[in-house]
């Protein structure tokens, strides 16, 4: 029983790089994400998952609802259908915690420095 509890407990955060247009406009190719493996999934979360009946790659999608065999996931981009509509329920491996690159435009601006007084 202890081993099962350890396996389901969240582990250390990991880094994921987004590739492709399926999550636009929320995420874009080249965005860097911090994800939490084993974290609890809720509908609306952006997650990292695998489709048992699909390609053997990790995908970043939005969790819609629990389904038999995993979670029903969909892309934010309605023109891309490489999600549960094509492959069925997915096995979620991690929940996205934050996007850390690129920085939001407000964080890229340099703060104004106080002017030096001249005598």
PDB file of N, CA and C in Angstrom:
ATOM      1  N   UNK A   1       0.822  -1.195   0.000  1.00  0.00           N
ATOM      2  CA  UNK A   1       0.000   0.000   0.000  1.00  0.00           C
ATOM      3  C   UNK A   1       0.863   1.254   0.000  1.00  0.00           C
ATOM      4  N   UNK A   2       1.955   1.244   0.714  1.00  0.00           N
ATOM      5  CA  UNK A   2       2.822   2.419   0.734  1.00  0.00           C
ATOM      6  C   UNK A   2       3.395   2.709  -0.648  1.00  0.00           C
ATOM      7  N   UNK A   3       3.791   1.665  -1.380  1.00  0.00           N
ATOM      8  CA  UNK A   3       4.343   1.875  -2.718  1.00  0.00           C
ATOM      9  C   UNK A   3       3.325   2.524  -3.645  1.00  0.00           C
ATOM     10  N   UNK A   4       2.064   2.107  -3.570  1.00  0.00           N
ATOM     11  CA  UNK A   4       1.024   2.709  -4.401  1.00  0.00           C
ATOM     12  C   UNK A   4       0.849   4.184  -4.065  1.00  0.00           C
ATOM     13  N   UNK A   5       0.878   4.524  -2.787  1.00  0.00           N
ATOM     14  CA  UNK A   5       0.728   5.921  -2.377  1.00  0.00           C
ATOM     15  C   UNK A   5       1.883   6.762  -2.919  1.00  0.00           C
ATOM     16  N   UNK A   6       3.091   6.219  -2.896  1.00  0.00           N
ATOM     17  CA  UNK A   6       4.233   6.959  -3.413  1.00  0.00           C
ATOM     18  C   UNK A   6       4.118   7.179  -4.915  1.00  0.00           C
ATOM     19  N   UNK A   7       3.650   6.173  -5.638  1.00  0.00           N
ATOM     20  CA  UNK A   7       3.537   6.281  -7.080  1.00  0.00           C
ATOM     21  C   UNK A   7       2.532   7.345  -7.491  1.00  0.00           C
ATOM     22  N   UNK A   8       1.447   7.492  -6.748  1.00  0.00           N
ATOM     23  CA  UNK A   8       0.415   8.455  -7.125  1.00  0.00           C
ATOM     24  C   UNK A   8       0.684   9.865  -6.591  1.00  0.00           C
ATOM     25  N   UNK A   9       1.645  10.001  -5.691  1.00  0.00           N
ATOM     26  CA  UNK A   9       1.955  11.317  -5.135  1.00  0.00           C
ATOM     27  C   UNK A   9       2.683  12.154  -6.185  1.00  0.00           C
ATOM     28  N   UNK A  10       2.440  13.464  -6.189  1.00  0.00           N
ATOM     29  CA  UNK A  10       3.137  14.330  -7.146  1.00  0.00           C
ATOM     30  C   UNK A  10       4.649  14.246  -6.957  1.00  0.00           C
ATOM     31  N   UNK A  11       5.374  14.264  -8.047  1.00  0.00           N
ATOM     32  CA  UNK A  11       6.831  14.246  -7.964  1.00  0.00           C
ATOM     33  C   UNK A  11       7.376  15.625  -8.318  1.00  0.00           C
ATOM     34  N   UNK A  12       8.677  15.701  -8.446  1.00  0.00           N
ATOM     35  CA  UNK A  12       9.318  16.991  -8.709  1.00  0.00           C
ATOM     36  C   UNK A  12       8.867  17.585 -10.036  1.00  0.00           C
ATOM     37  N   UNK A  13       8.766  18.906 -10.090  1.00  0.00           N
ATOM     38  CA  UNK A  13       8.363  19.569 -11.335  1.00  0.00           C
ATOM     39  C   UNK A  13       9.334  19.258 -12.473  1.00  0.00           C
ATOM     40  N   UNK A  14       8.827  19.278 -13.671  1.00  0.00           N
ATOM     41  CA  UNK A  14       9.609  19.016 -14.879  1.00  0.00           C
ATOM     42  C   UNK A  14       9.361  20.138 -15.896  1.00  0.00           C
ATOM     43  N   UNK A  15      10.200  20.206 -16.902  1.00  0.00           N
ATOM     44  CA  UNK A  15      10.096  21.227 -17.944  1.00  0.00           C
ATOM     45  C   UNK A  15       9.626  20.567 -19.237  1.00  0.00           C
ATOM     46  N   UNK A  16       8.701  21.223 -19.941  1.00  0.00           N
ATOM     47  CA  UNK A  16       8.176  20.730 -21.210  1.00  0.00           C
ATOM     48  C   UNK A  16       8.219  21.872 -22.218  1.00  0.00           C
ATOM     49  N   UNK A  17       8.606  21.563 -23.448  1.00  0.00           N
ATOM     50  CA  UNK A  17       8.633  22.539 -24.544  1.00  0.00           C
ATOM     51  C   UNK A  17       7.442  22.264 -25.461  1.00  0.00           C
ATOM     52  N   UNK A  18       6.657  23.287 -25.745  1.00  0.00           N
ATOM     53  CA  UNK A  18       5.488  23.144 -26.614  1.00  0.00           C
ATOM     54  C   UNK A  18       5.940  23.126 -28.071  1.00  0.00           C
ATOM     55  N   UNK A  19       5.374  22.181 -28.844  1.00  0.00           N
ATOM     56  CA  UNK A  19       5.628  22.107 -30.283  1.00  0.00           C
ATOM     57  C   UNK A  19       4.289  22.009 -30.986  1.00  0.00           C
ATOM     58  N   UNK A  20       4.120  22.739 -32.062  1.00  0.00           N
ATOM     59  CA  UNK A  20       2.899  22.666 -32.854  1.00  0.00           C
ATOM     60  C   UNK A  20       1.840  23.671 -32.443  1.00  0.00           C
ATOM     61  N   UNK A  21       0.787  23.810 -33.276  1.00  0.00           N
ATOM     62  CA  UNK A  21      -0.229  24.839 -33.082  1.00  0.00           C
ATOM     63  C   UNK A  21      -1.491  24.394 -32.340  1.00  0.00           C
ATOM     64  N   UNK A  22      -1.539  23.188 -31.802  1.00  0.00           N
ATOM     65  CA  UNK A  22      -2.811  22.668 -31.285  1.00  0.00           C
ATOM     66  C   UNK A  22      -3.370  23.424 -30.083  1.00  0.00           C
ATOM     67  N   UNK A  23      -2.543  24.106 -29.322  1.00  0.00           N
ATOM     68  CA  UNK A  23      -3.040  24.812 -28.140  1.00  0.00           C
ATOM     69  C   UNK A  23      -3.106  26.321 -28.328  1.00  0.00           C
ATOM     70  N   UNK A  24      -2.912  26.796 -29.567  1.00  0.00           N
ATOM     71  CA  UNK A  24      -3.050  28.241 -29.811  1.00  0.00           C
ATOM     72  C   UNK A  24      -4.501  28.651 -29.617  1.00  0.00           C
ATOM     73  N   UNK A  25      -4.809  29.773 -29.083  1.00  0.00           N
ATOM     74  CA  UNK A  25      -3.931  30.880 -28.732  1.00  0.00           C
ATOM     75  C   UNK A  25      -3.376  30.810 -27.308  1.00  0.00           C
ATOM     76  N   UNK A  26      -3.759  29.808 -26.531  1.00  0.00           N
ATOM     77  CA  UNK A  26      -3.295  29.723 -25.132  1.00  0.00           C
ATOM     78  C   UNK A  26      -1.797  29.523 -25.056  1.00  0.00           C
ATOM     79  N   UNK A  27      -1.285  28.561 -25.810  1.00  0.00           N
ATOM     80  CA  UNK A  27       0.146  28.264 -25.846  1.00  0.00           C
ATOM     81  C   UNK A  27       0.597  28.243 -27.294  1.00  0.00           C
ATOM     82  N   UNK A  28       1.849  28.609 -27.510  1.00  0.00           N
ATOM     83  CA  UNK A  28       2.394  28.628 -28.868  1.00  0.00           C
ATOM     84  C   UNK A  28       3.655  27.768 -28.927  1.00  0.00           C
ATOM     85  N   UNK A  29       4.009  27.347 -30.124  1.00  0.00           N
ATOM     86  CA  UNK A  29       5.238  26.580 -30.307  1.00  0.00           C
ATOM     87  C   UNK A  29       6.409  27.381 -29.743  1.00  0.00           C
ATOM     88  N   UNK A  30       7.241  26.718 -28.954  1.00  0.00           N
ATOM     89  CA  UNK A  30       8.386  27.385 -28.338  1.00  0.00           C
ATOM     90  C   UNK A  30       8.151  27.809 -26.899  1.00  0.00           C
ATOM     91  N   UNK A  31       6.902  27.787 -26.432  1.00  0.00           N
ATOM     92  CA  UNK A  31       6.636  28.114 -25.030  1.00  0.00           C
ATOM     93  C   UNK A  31       7.236  27.035 -24.132  1.00  0.00           C
ATOM     94  N   UNK A  32       7.794  27.449 -23.027  1.00  0.00           N
ATOM     95  CA  UNK A  32       8.353  26.517 -22.048  1.00  0.00           C
ATOM     96  C   UNK A  32       7.418  26.453 -20.847  1.00  0.00           C
ATOM     97  N   UNK A  33       7.098  25.230 -20.425  1.00  0.00           N
ATOM     98  CA  UNK A  33       6.141  25.024 -19.343  1.00  0.00           C
ATOM     99  C   UNK A  33       6.792  24.293 -18.178  1.00  0.00           C
ATOM    100  N   UNK A  34       6.335  24.613 -16.989  1.00  0.00           N
ATOM    101  CA  UNK A  34       6.700  23.871 -15.787  1.00  0.00           C
ATOM    102  C   UNK A  34       5.505  22.983 -15.476  1.00  0.00           C
ATOM    103  N   UNK A  35       5.728  21.666 -15.378  1.00  0.00           N
ATOM    104  CA  UNK A  35       4.629  20.731 -15.150  1.00  0.00           C
ATOM    105  C   UNK A  35       4.873  19.934 -13.874  1.00  0.00           C
ATOM    106  N   UNK A  36       3.788  19.449 -13.300  1.00  0.00           N
ATOM    107  CA  UNK A  36       3.852  18.678 -12.052  1.00  0.00           C
ATOM    108  C   UNK A  36       3.343  17.258 -12.315  1.00  0.00           C
ATOM    109  N   UNK A  37       4.255  16.275 -12.461  1.00  0.00           N
ATOM    110  CA  UNK A  37       3.817  14.895 -12.675  1.00  0.00           C
ATOM    111  C   UNK A  37       3.038  14.361 -11.468  1.00  0.00           C
ATOM    112  N   UNK A  38       1.978  13.629 -11.746  1.00  0.00           N
ATOM    113  CA  UNK A  38       1.205  12.993 -10.679  1.00  0.00           C
ATOM    114  C   UNK A  38       0.233  13.903  -9.964  1.00  0.00           C
ATOM    115  N   UNK A  39       0.144  15.160 -10.345  1.00  0.00           N
ATOM    116  CA  UNK A  39      -0.783  16.090  -9.679  1.00  0.00           C
ATOM    117  C   UNK A  39      -2.223  15.746 -10.050  1.00  0.00           C
ATOM    118  N   UNK A  40      -3.152  16.110  -9.176  1.00  0.00           N
ATOM    119  CA  UNK A  40      -4.568  15.855  -9.427  1.00  0.00           C
ATOM    120  C   UNK A  40      -5.041  16.687 -10.621  1.00  0.00           C
ATOM    121  N   UNK A  41      -5.846  16.062 -11.475  1.00  0.00           N
ATOM    122  CA  UNK A  41      -6.351  16.723 -12.677  1.00  0.00           C
ATOM    123  C   UNK A  41      -7.790  17.149 -12.446  1.00  0.00           C
ATOM    124  N   UNK A  42      -8.118  18.359 -12.897  1.00  0.00           N
ATOM    125  CA  UNK A  42      -9.504  18.859 -12.850  1.00  0.00           C
ATOM    126  C   UNK A  42      -9.902  19.301 -14.242  1.00  0.00           C
ATOM    127  N   UNK A  43     -11.187  19.227 -14.554  1.00  0.00           N
ATOM    128  CA  UNK A  43     -11.619  19.715 -15.862  1.00  0.00           C
ATOM    129  C   UNK A  43     -11.175  21.169 -16.058  1.00  0.00           C
ATOM    130  N   UNK A  44     -10.648  21.464 -17.237  1.00  0.00           N
ATOM    131  CA  UNK A  44     -10.155  22.810 -17.538  1.00  0.00           C
ATOM    132  C   UNK A  44      -8.651  22.938 -17.404  1.00  0.00           C
ATOM    133  N   UNK A  45      -7.996  21.996 -16.717  1.00  0.00           N
ATOM    134  CA  UNK A  45      -6.539  22.042 -16.571  1.00  0.00           C
ATOM    135  C   UNK A  45      -5.864  21.780 -17.913  1.00  0.00           C
ATOM    136  N   UNK A  46      -4.716  22.423 -18.132  1.00  0.00           N
ATOM    137  CA  UNK A  46      -3.866  22.085 -19.261  1.00  0.00           C
ATOM    138  C   UNK A  46      -2.920  21.009 -18.748  1.00  0.00           C
ATOM    139  N   UNK A  47      -2.823  19.903 -19.505  1.00  0.00           N
ATOM    140  CA  UNK A  47      -2.094  18.732 -19.024  1.00  0.00           C
ATOM    141  C   UNK A  47      -1.135  18.196 -20.083  1.00  0.00           C
ATOM    142  N   UNK A  48      -0.223  17.347 -19.630  1.00  0.00           N
ATOM    143  CA  UNK A  48       0.655  16.572 -20.502  1.00  0.00           C
ATOM    144  C   UNK A  48       0.152  15.141 -20.422  1.00  0.00           C
ATOM    145  N   UNK A  49      -0.003  14.484 -21.582  1.00  0.00           N
ATOM    146  CA  UNK A  49      -0.608  13.150 -21.594  1.00  0.00           C
ATOM    147  C   UNK A  49      -0.090  12.320 -22.761  1.00  0.00           C
ATOM    148  N   UNK A  50      -0.501  11.045 -22.744  1.00  0.00           N
ATOM    149  CA  UNK A  50      -0.249  10.099 -23.840  1.00  0.00           C
ATOM    150  C   UNK A  50      -1.568   9.479 -24.253  1.00  0.00           C
ATOM    151  N   UNK A  51      -1.713   9.262 -25.553  1.00  0.00           N
ATOM    152  CA  UNK A  51      -2.886   8.557 -26.063  1.00  0.00           C
ATOM    153  C   UNK A  51      -2.496   7.099 -26.292  1.00  0.00           C
ATOM    154  N   UNK A  52      -3.093   6.159 -25.542  1.00  0.00           N
ATOM    155  CA  UNK A  52      -2.746   4.754 -25.734  1.00  0.00           C
ATOM    156  C   UNK A  52      -2.989   4.270 -27.164  1.00  0.00           C
ATOM    157  N   UNK A  53      -4.007   4.797 -27.833  1.00  0.00           N
ATOM    158  CA  UNK A  53      -4.317   4.377 -29.193  1.00  0.00           C
ATOM    159  C   UNK A  53      -3.721   5.276 -30.255  1.00  0.00           C
ATOM    160  N   UNK A  54      -2.854   6.190 -29.866  1.00  0.00           N
ATOM    161  CA  UNK A  54      -2.296   7.146 -30.820  1.00  0.00           C
ATOM    162  C   UNK A  54      -0.790   7.067 -30.897  1.00  0.00           C
ATOM    163  N   UNK A  55      -0.165   8.121 -31.401  1.00  0.00           N
ATOM    164  CA  UNK A  55       1.296   8.130 -31.519  1.00  0.00           C
ATOM    165  C   UNK A  55       1.951   8.052 -30.146  1.00  0.00           C
ATOM    166  N   UNK A  56       3.149   7.522 -30.112  1.00  0.00           N
ATOM    167  CA  UNK A  56       3.859   7.338 -28.839  1.00  0.00           C
ATOM    168  C   UNK A  56       4.601   8.607 -28.444  1.00  0.00           C
ATOM    169  N   UNK A  57       3.917   9.744 -28.464  1.00  0.00           N
ATOM    170  CA  UNK A  57       4.527  11.013 -28.070  1.00  0.00           C
ATOM    171  C   UNK A  57       3.681  11.651 -26.975  1.00  0.00           C
ATOM    172  N   UNK A  58       4.312  12.520 -26.223  1.00  0.00           N
ATOM    173  CA  UNK A  58       3.580  13.293 -25.219  1.00  0.00           C
ATOM    174  C   UNK A  58       2.857  14.433 -25.909  1.00  0.00           C
ATOM    175  N   UNK A  59       1.687  14.777 -25.407  1.00  0.00           N
ATOM    176  CA  UNK A  59       0.911  15.886 -25.957  1.00  0.00           C
ATOM    177  C   UNK A  59       0.537  16.842 -24.837  1.00  0.00           C
ATOM    178  N   UNK A  60       0.339  18.113 -25.186  1.00  0.00           N
ATOM    179  CA  UNK A  60      -0.156  19.120 -24.254  1.00  0.00           C
ATOM    180  C   UNK A  60      -1.558  19.476 -24.722  1.00  0.00           C
ATOM    181  N   UNK A  61      -2.544  19.217 -23.869  1.00  0.00           N
ATOM    182  CA  UNK A  61      -3.954  19.446 -24.222  1.00  0.00           C
ATOM    183  C   UNK A  61      -4.710  19.931 -22.990  1.00  0.00           C
ATOM    184  N   UNK A  62      -5.986  20.276 -23.203  1.00  0.00           N
ATOM    185  CA  UNK A  62      -6.850  20.697 -22.101  1.00  0.00           C
ATOM    186  C   UNK A  62      -7.728  19.524 -21.676  1.00  0.00           C
ATOM    187  N   UNK A  63      -7.754  19.252 -20.367  1.00  0.00           N
ATOM    188  CA  UNK A  63      -8.600  18.191 -19.817  1.00  0.00           C
ATOM    189  C   UNK A  63     -10.050  18.668 -19.827  1.00  0.00           C
ATOM    190  N   UNK A  64     -10.928  17.882 -20.436  1.00  0.00           N
ATOM    191  CA  UNK A  64     -12.334  18.249 -20.537  1.00  0.00           C
ATOM    192  C   UNK A  64     -13.154  17.532 -19.471  1.00  0.00           C
ATOM    193  N   UNK A  65     -12.973  16.201 -19.380  1.00  0.00           N
ATOM    194  CA  UNK A  65     -13.745  15.420 -18.399  1.00  0.00           C
ATOM    195  C   UNK A  65     -13.080  14.061 -18.215  1.00  0.00           C
ATOM    196  N   UNK A  66     -13.311  13.441 -17.050  1.00  0.00           N
ATOM    197  CA  UNK A  66     -12.825  12.068 -16.887  1.00  0.00           C
ATOM    198  C   UNK A  66     -13.587  11.154 -17.845  1.00  0.00           C
ATOM    199  N   UNK A  67     -12.913  10.150 -18.340  1.00  0.00           N
ATOM    200  CA  UNK A  67     -13.536   9.182 -19.254  1.00  0.00           C
ATOM    201  C   UNK A  67     -13.033   7.795 -18.890  1.00  0.00           C
ATOM    202  N   UNK A  68     -13.738   6.785 -19.335  1.00  0.00           N
ATOM    203  CA  UNK A  68     -13.293   5.425 -19.081  1.00  0.00           C
ATOM    204  C   UNK A  68     -11.933   5.225 -19.738  1.00  0.00           C
ATOM    205  N   UNK A  69     -10.940   4.872 -18.941  1.00  0.00           N
ATOM    206  CA  UNK A  69      -9.593   4.685 -19.465  1.00  0.00           C
ATOM    207  C   UNK A  69      -8.715   5.910 -19.380  1.00  0.00           C
ATOM    208  N   UNK A  70      -9.192   6.994 -18.788  1.00  0.00           N
ATOM    209  CA  UNK A  70      -8.348   8.185 -18.654  1.00  0.00           C
ATOM    210  C   UNK A  70      -9.141   9.475 -18.677  1.00  0.00           C
ATOM    211  N   UNK A  71      -8.653  10.444 -19.433  1.00  0.00           N
ATOM    212  CA  UNK A  71      -9.281  11.766 -19.535  1.00  0.00           C
ATOM    213  C   UNK A  71      -9.581  12.083 -20.986  1.00  0.00           C
ATOM    214  N   UNK A  72     -10.710  12.759 -21.205  1.00  0.00           N
ATOM    215  CA  UNK A  72     -11.040  13.265 -22.525  1.00  0.00           C
ATOM    216  C   UNK A  72     -10.322  14.601 -22.673  1.00  0.00           C
ATOM    217  N   UNK A  73      -9.454  14.712 -23.666  1.00  0.00           N
ATOM    218  CA  UNK A  73      -8.643  15.913 -23.876  1.00  0.00           C
ATOM    219  C   UNK A  73      -8.983  16.541 -25.217  1.00  0.00           C
ATOM    220  N   UNK A  74      -8.934  17.862 -25.254  1.00  0.00           N
ATOM    221  CA  UNK A  74      -9.153  18.572 -26.506  1.00  0.00           C
ATOM    222  C   UNK A  74      -8.140  19.695 -26.666  1.00  0.00           C
ATOM    223  N   UNK A  75      -7.871  20.031 -27.930  1.00  0.00           N
ATOM    224  CA  UNK A  75      -6.985  21.151 -28.258  1.00  0.00           C
ATOM    225  C   UNK A  75      -7.747  22.455 -28.069  1.00  0.00           C
ATOM    226  N   UNK A  76      -7.046  23.537 -27.741  1.00  0.00           N
ATOM    227  CA  UNK A  76      -7.688  24.853 -27.684  1.00  0.00           C
ATOM    228  C   UNK A  76      -7.937  25.393 -29.089  1.00  0.00           C
ATOM    229  N   UNK A  77      -7.133  24.961 -30.047  1.00  0.00           N
ATOM    230  CA  UNK A  77      -7.279  25.377 -31.431  1.00  0.00           C
ATOM    231  C   UNK A  77      -8.321  24.473 -32.094  1.00  0.00           C
ATOM    232  N   UNK A  78      -9.500  25.002 -32.448  1.00  0.00           N
ATOM    233  CA  UNK A  78     -10.565  24.151 -32.995  1.00  0.00           C
ATOM    234  C   UNK A  78     -10.233  23.545 -34.360  1.00  0.00           C
ATOM    235  N   UNK A  79      -9.231  24.062 -35.046  1.00  0.00           N
ATOM    236  CA  UNK A  79      -8.863  23.524 -36.356  1.00  0.00           C
ATOM    237  C   UNK A  79      -7.977  22.286 -36.254  1.00  0.00           C
ATOM    238  N   UNK A  80      -7.457  22.011 -35.060  1.00  0.00           N
ATOM    239  CA  UNK A  80      -6.578  20.855 -34.859  1.00  0.00           C
ATOM    240  C   UNK A  80      -7.354  19.788 -34.099  1.00  0.00           C
ATOM    241  N   UNK A  81      -7.425  18.593 -34.678  1.00  0.00           N
ATOM    242  CA  UNK A  81      -8.212  17.524 -34.037  1.00  0.00           C
ATOM    243  C   UNK A  81      -7.366  16.318 -33.653  1.00  0.00           C
ATOM    244  N   UNK A  82      -6.080  16.531 -33.368  1.00  0.00           N
ATOM    245  CA  UNK A  82      -5.258  15.400 -32.912  1.00  0.00           C
ATOM    246  C   UNK A  82      -5.364  15.273 -31.398  1.00  0.00           C
ATOM    247  N   UNK A  83      -6.572  14.999 -30.948  1.00  0.00           N
ATOM    248  CA  UNK A  83      -6.864  14.895 -29.522  1.00  0.00           C
ATOM    249  C   UNK A  83      -7.788  13.709 -29.287  1.00  0.00           C
ATOM    250  N   UNK A  84      -8.582  13.736 -28.233  1.00  0.00           N
ATOM    251  CA  UNK A  84      -9.462  12.606 -27.919  1.00  0.00           C
ATOM    252  C   UNK A  84     -10.516  12.371 -28.988  1.00  0.00           C
ATOM    253  N   UNK A  85     -10.805  13.377 -29.796  1.00  0.00           N
ATOM    254  CA  UNK A  85     -11.762  13.169 -30.888  1.00  0.00           C
ATOM    255  C   UNK A  85     -11.217  12.171 -31.909  1.00  0.00           C
ATOM    256  N   UNK A  86      -9.907  12.068 -32.000  1.00  0.00           N
ATOM    257  CA  UNK A  86      -9.286  11.125 -32.933  1.00  0.00           C
ATOM    258  C   UNK A  86      -8.798   9.855 -32.222  1.00  0.00           C
ATOM    259  N   UNK A  87      -8.189   9.999 -31.029  1.00  0.00           N
ATOM    260  CA  UNK A  87      -7.522   8.871 -30.378  1.00  0.00           C
ATOM    261  C   UNK A  87      -8.247   8.303 -29.157  1.00  0.00           C
ATOM    262  N   UNK A  88      -9.300   8.944 -28.707  1.00  0.00           N
ATOM    263  CA  UNK A  88     -10.009   8.471 -27.516  1.00  0.00           C
ATOM    264  C   UNK A  88      -9.374   9.005 -26.246  1.00  0.00           C
ATOM    265  N   UNK A  89      -9.769   8.474 -25.074  1.00  0.00           N
ATOM    266  CA  UNK A  89      -9.254   8.966 -23.793  1.00  0.00           C
ATOM    267  C   UNK A  89      -7.732   8.829 -23.695  1.00  0.00           C
ATOM    268  N   UNK A  90      -7.135   9.739 -22.936  1.00  0.00           N
ATOM    269  CA  UNK A  90      -5.681   9.767 -22.765  1.00  0.00           C
ATOM    270  C   UNK A  90      -5.314   9.517 -21.312  1.00  0.00           C
ATOM    271  N   UNK A  91      -4.077   9.098 -21.110  1.00  0.00           N
ATOM    272  CA  UNK A  91      -3.529   8.919 -19.771  1.00  0.00           C
ATOM    273  C   UNK A  91      -2.729  10.176 -19.441  1.00  0.00           C
ATOM    274  N   UNK A  92      -3.165  10.914 -18.440  1.00  0.00           N
ATOM    275  CA  UNK A  92      -2.501  12.161 -18.054  1.00  0.00           C
ATOM    276  C   UNK A  92      -1.267  11.829 -17.227  1.00  0.00           C
ATOM    277  N   UNK A  93      -0.133  12.434 -17.595  1.00  0.00           N
ATOM    278  CA  UNK A  93       1.105  12.204 -16.866  1.00  0.00           C
ATOM    279  C   UNK A  93       1.502  13.387 -15.989  1.00  0.00           C
ATOM    280  N   UNK A  94       1.020  14.596 -16.322  1.00  0.00           N
ATOM    281  CA  UNK A  94       1.394  15.783 -15.544  1.00  0.00           C
ATOM    282  C   UNK A  94       0.391  16.909 -15.793  1.00  0.00           C
ATOM    283  N   UNK A  95       0.348  17.839 -14.853  1.00  0.00           N
ATOM    284  CA  UNK A  95      -0.504  19.029 -14.965  1.00  0.00           C
ATOM    285  C   UNK A  95       0.411  20.240 -15.138  1.00  0.00           C
ATOM    286  N   UNK A  96       0.061  21.117 -16.073  1.00  0.00           N
ATOM    287  CA  UNK A  96       0.861  22.328 -16.303  1.00  0.00           C
ATOM    288  C   UNK A  96       0.642  23.292 -15.138  1.00  0.00           C
ATOM    289  N   UNK A  97       1.749  23.757 -14.572  1.00  0.00           N
ATOM    290  CA  UNK A  97       1.707  24.691 -13.448  1.00  0.00           C
ATOM    291  C   UNK A  97       1.814  26.122 -13.946  1.00  0.00           C
ATOM    292  N   UNK A  98       2.763  26.361 -14.874  1.00  0.00           N
ATOM    293  CA  UNK A  98       2.932  27.708 -15.412  1.00  0.00           C
ATOM    294  C   UNK A  98       3.744  27.690 -16.687  1.00  0.00           C
ATOM    295  N   UNK A  99       3.588  28.754 -17.449  1.00  0.00           N
ATOM    296  CA  UNK A  99       4.438  28.995 -18.617  1.00  0.00           C
ATOM    297  C   UNK A  99       5.499  29.985 -18.159  1.00  0.00           C
ATOM    298  N   UNK A 100       6.775  29.612 -18.298  1.00  0.00           N
ATOM    299  CA  UNK A 100       7.815  30.523 -17.819  1.00  0.00           C
ATOM    300  C   UNK A 100       8.601  31.176 -18.946  1.00  0.00           C
ATOM    301  N   UNK A 101       8.383  30.765 -20.184  1.00  0.00           N
ATOM    302  CA  UNK A 101       9.024  31.432 -21.303  1.00  0.00           C
ATOM    303  C   UNK A 101       8.126  31.312 -22.512  1.00  0.00           C
ATOM    304  N   UNK A 102       7.895  32.326 -23.263  1.00  0.00           N
ATOM    305  CA  UNK A 102       8.460  33.662 -23.110  1.00  0.00           C
ATOM    306  C   UNK A 102       7.808  34.415 -21.956  1.00  0.00           C
ATOM    307  N   UNK A 103       8.545  35.354 -21.428  1.00  0.00           N
ATOM    308  CA  UNK A 103       8.026  36.176 -20.347  1.00  0.00           C
ATOM    309  C   UNK A 103       6.914  37.081 -20.867  1.00  0.00           C
ATOM    310  N   UNK A 104       5.928  37.379 -20.025  1.00  0.00           N
ATOM    311  CA  UNK A 104       4.889  38.332 -20.440  1.00  0.00           C
ATOM    312  C   UNK A 104       5.528  39.687 -20.757  1.00  0.00           C
ATOM    313  N   UNK A 105       4.963  40.447 -21.691  1.00  0.00           N
ATOM    314  CA  UNK A 105       5.546  41.741 -22.077  1.00  0.00           C
ATOM    315  C   UNK A 105       5.782  42.678 -20.897  1.00  0.00           C
ATOM    316  N   UNK A 106       4.930  42.635 -19.885  1.00  0.00           N
ATOM    317  CA  UNK A 106       5.115  43.536 -18.739  1.00  0.00           C
ATOM    318  C   UNK A 106       6.376  43.206 -17.957  1.00  0.00           C
ATOM    319  N   UNK A 107       6.832  41.954 -18.008  1.00  0.00           N
ATOM    320  CA  UNK A 107       8.041  41.576 -17.281  1.00  0.00           C
ATOM    321  C   UNK A 107       9.298  41.859 -18.098  1.00  0.00           C
ATOM    322  N   UNK A 108       9.142  42.092 -19.390  1.00  0.00           N
ATOM    323  CA  UNK A 108      10.301  42.365 -20.235  1.00  0.00           C
ATOM    324  C   UNK A 108      10.736  43.818 -20.180  1.00  0.00           C
ATOM    325  N   UNK A 109       9.837  44.700 -19.769  1.00  0.00           N
ATOM    326  CA  UNK A 109      10.188  46.121 -19.673  1.00  0.00           C
ATOM    327  C   UNK A 109      11.123  46.345 -18.492  1.00  0.00           C
ATOM    328  N   UNK A 110      12.093  47.170 -18.724  1.00  0.00           N
ATOM    329  CA  UNK A 110      13.016  47.490 -17.633  1.00  0.00           C
ATOM    330  C   UNK A 110      12.360  48.510 -16.714  1.00  0.00           C
ATOM    331  N   UNK A 111      12.491  48.319 -15.420  1.00  0.00           N
ATOM    332  CA  UNK A 111      11.919  49.310 -14.516  1.00  0.00           C
ATOM    333  C   UNK A 111      12.670  50.641 -14.642  1.00  0.00           C
ATOM    334  N   UNK A 112      11.943  51.709 -14.463  1.00  0.00           N
ATOM    335  CA  UNK A 112      12.567  53.033 -14.529  1.00  0.00           C
ATOM    336  C   UNK A 112      13.503  53.196 -13.334  1.00  0.00           C
ATOM    337  N   UNK A 113      14.704  53.638 -13.615  1.00  0.00           N
ATOM    338  CA  UNK A 113      15.668  53.857 -12.540  1.00  0.00           C
ATOM    339  C   UNK A 113      15.519  55.280 -12.018  1.00  0.00           C
ATOM    340  N   UNK A 114      15.698  55.457 -10.716  1.00  0.00           N
ATOM    341  CA  UNK A 114      15.622  56.819 -10.190  1.00  0.00           C
ATOM    342  C   UNK A 114      16.763  57.665 -10.774  1.00  0.00           C
ATOM    343  N   UNK A 115      16.452  58.916 -11.025  1.00  0.00           N
ATOM    344  CA  UNK A 115      17.465  59.804 -11.582  1.00  0.00           C
ATOM    345  C   UNK A 115      18.452  60.207 -10.501  1.00  0.00           C
ATOM    346  N   UNK A 116      19.693  60.286 -10.922  1.00  0.00           N
ATOM    347  CA  UNK A 116      20.714  60.721  -9.977  1.00  0.00           C
ATOM    348  C   UNK A 116      20.660  62.226  -9.838  1.00  0.00           C
ATOM    349  N   UNK A 117      20.837  62.654  -8.637  1.00  0.00           N
ATOM    350  CA  UNK A 117      20.872  64.101  -8.398  1.00  0.00           C
ATOM    351  C   UNK A 117      22.252  64.633  -8.739  1.00  0.00           C
ATOM    352  N   UNK A 118      22.275  65.707  -9.437  1.00  0.00           N
ATOM    353  CA  UNK A 118      23.557  66.340  -9.768  1.00  0.00           C
ATOM    354  C   UNK A 118      23.703  67.590  -8.933  1.00  0.00           C
ATOM    355  N   UNK A 119      24.909  67.880  -8.546  1.00  0.00           N
ATOM    356  CA  UNK A 119      25.143  69.059  -7.703  1.00  0.00           C
ATOM    357  C   UNK A 119      25.735  70.175  -8.456  1.00  0.00           C
TER     358      UNK A 119
END
